[in-house]
Amino acid sequence: MKKHYIFKGNGYFYPFVMSFFMLYLFLISFYIINYSLKLKTLSNINDYYDNQIQRQLVEEE
């Protein structure tokens, strides 16, 4: 017995794959942007505290 579908399998395979691929790219790009912002923030905080420590050491001398 032949299965009958409402839609043609070949016609709807690519949009589903494309939507999953777009979702995958969105999640990867979101993670990369979020991670890079965290790294920039941590780097700036580290630079700020290094600068403050150097200023305190210079003021004490």
C-alpha atoms as a PDB file:
ATOM      1  CA  MET A   1       0.000   0.000   0.000  1.00  0.00           C
ATOM      2  CA  LYS A   2       1.378   3.356  -1.037  1.00  0.00           C
ATOM      3  CA  LYS A   3       1.585   6.136   1.531  1.00  0.00           C
ATOM      4  CA  HIS A   4      -0.081   9.396   0.565  1.00  0.00           C
ATOM      5  CA  TYR A   5       1.169  12.633   2.044  1.00  0.00           C
ATOM      6  CA  ILE A   6      -0.438  16.060   1.960  1.00  0.00           C
ATOM      7  CA  PHE A   7       2.817  17.619   0.787  1.00  0.00           C
ATOM      8  CA  LYS A   8       5.503  16.430  -1.572  1.00  0.00           C
ATOM      9  CA  GLY A   9       8.568  15.258   0.346  1.00  0.00           C
ATOM     10  CA  ASN A  10      11.147  16.678  -2.046  1.00  0.00           C
ATOM     11  CA  GLY A  11       9.574  20.115  -2.045  1.00  0.00           C
ATOM     12  CA  TYR A  12       9.536  20.547   1.725  1.00  0.00           C
ATOM     13  CA  PHE A  13      12.812  18.896   2.604  1.00  0.00           C
ATOM     14  CA  TYR A  14      15.002  21.871   1.712  1.00  0.00           C
ATOM     15  CA  PRO A  15      13.057  24.557   3.624  1.00  0.00           C
ATOM     16  CA  PHE A  16      13.201  22.449   6.802  1.00  0.00           C
ATOM     17  CA  VAL A  17      16.922  21.862   6.378  1.00  0.00           C
ATOM     18  CA  MET A  18      17.448  25.529   5.632  1.00  0.00           C
ATOM     19  CA  SER A  19      15.486  26.582   8.713  1.00  0.00           C
ATOM     20  CA  PHE A  20      17.527  24.240  10.920  1.00  0.00           C
ATOM     21  CA  PHE A  21      20.730  25.530   9.347  1.00  0.00           C
ATOM     22  CA  MET A  22      19.654  29.145   9.932  1.00  0.00           C
ATOM     23  CA  LEU A  23      18.788  28.332  13.540  1.00  0.00           C
ATOM     24  CA  TYR A  24      22.196  26.680  13.949  1.00  0.00           C
ATOM     25  CA  LEU A  25      23.977  29.716  12.503  1.00  0.00           C
ATOM     26  CA  PHE A  26      21.957  32.062  14.711  1.00  0.00           C
ATOM     27  CA  LEU A  27      22.837  30.115  17.856  1.00  0.00           C
ATOM     28  CA  ILE A  28      26.520  29.921  16.934  1.00  0.00           C
ATOM     29  CA  SER A  29      26.704  33.637  16.100  1.00  0.00           C
ATOM     30  CA  PHE A  30      24.825  34.560  19.291  1.00  0.00           C
ATOM     31  CA  TYR A  31      27.242  32.481  21.359  1.00  0.00           C
ATOM     32  CA  ILE A  32      30.294  33.990  19.643  1.00  0.00           C
ATOM     33  CA  ILE A  33      29.037  37.561  20.097  1.00  0.00           C
ATOM     34  CA  ASN A  34      28.134  36.937  23.732  1.00  0.00           C
ATOM     35  CA  TYR A  35      31.488  35.285  24.456  1.00  0.00           C
ATOM     36  CA  SER A  36      33.470  38.045  22.742  1.00  0.00           C
ATOM     37  CA  LEU A  37      31.628  40.720  24.735  1.00  0.00           C
ATOM     38  CA  LYS A  38      32.409  38.871  27.957  1.00  0.00           C
ATOM     39  CA  LEU A  39      36.076  38.651  26.990  1.00  0.00           C
ATOM     40  CA  LYS A  40      36.211  42.362  26.145  1.00  0.00           C
ATOM     41  CA  THR A  41      34.552  43.229  29.450  1.00  0.00           C
ATOM     42  CA  LEU A  42      36.911  41.036  31.448  1.00  0.00           C
ATOM     43  CA  SER A  43      39.896  42.445  29.592  1.00  0.00           C
ATOM     44  CA  ASN A  44      38.790  46.025  30.273  1.00  0.00           C
ATOM     45  CA  ILE A  45      38.163  45.261  33.945  1.00  0.00           C
ATOM     46  CA  ASN A  46      41.588  43.654  34.194  1.00  0.00           C
ATOM     47  CA  ASP A  47      43.239  46.679  32.562  1.00  0.00           C
ATOM     48  CA  TYR A  48      41.345  49.051  34.842  1.00  0.00           C
ATOM     49  CA  TYR A  49      42.377  47.231  38.011  1.00  0.00           C
ATOM     50  CA  ASP A  50      45.971  46.931  36.848  1.00  0.00           C
ATOM     51  CA  ASN A  51      45.977  50.670  36.260  1.00  0.00           C
ATOM     52  CA  GLN A  52      44.462  51.349  39.690  1.00  0.00           C
ATOM     53  CA  ILE A  53      47.014  49.099  41.396  1.00  0.00           C
ATOM     54  CA  GLN A  54      49.849  50.895  39.613  1.00  0.00           C
ATOM     55  CA  ARG A  55      48.447  54.272  40.670  1.00  0.00           C
ATOM     56  CA  GLN A  56      48.183  53.136  44.291  1.00  0.00           C
ATOM     57  CA  LEU A  57      51.753  51.880  44.243  1.00  0.00           C
ATOM     58  CA  VAL A  58      53.020  55.141  42.764  1.00  0.00           C
ATOM     59  CA  GLU A  59      51.087  57.211  45.330  1.00  0.00           C
ATOM     60  CA  GLU A  60      52.495  55.198  48.235  1.00  0.00           C
ATOM     61  CA  GLU A  61      56.070  55.684  47.117  1.00  0.00           C
END
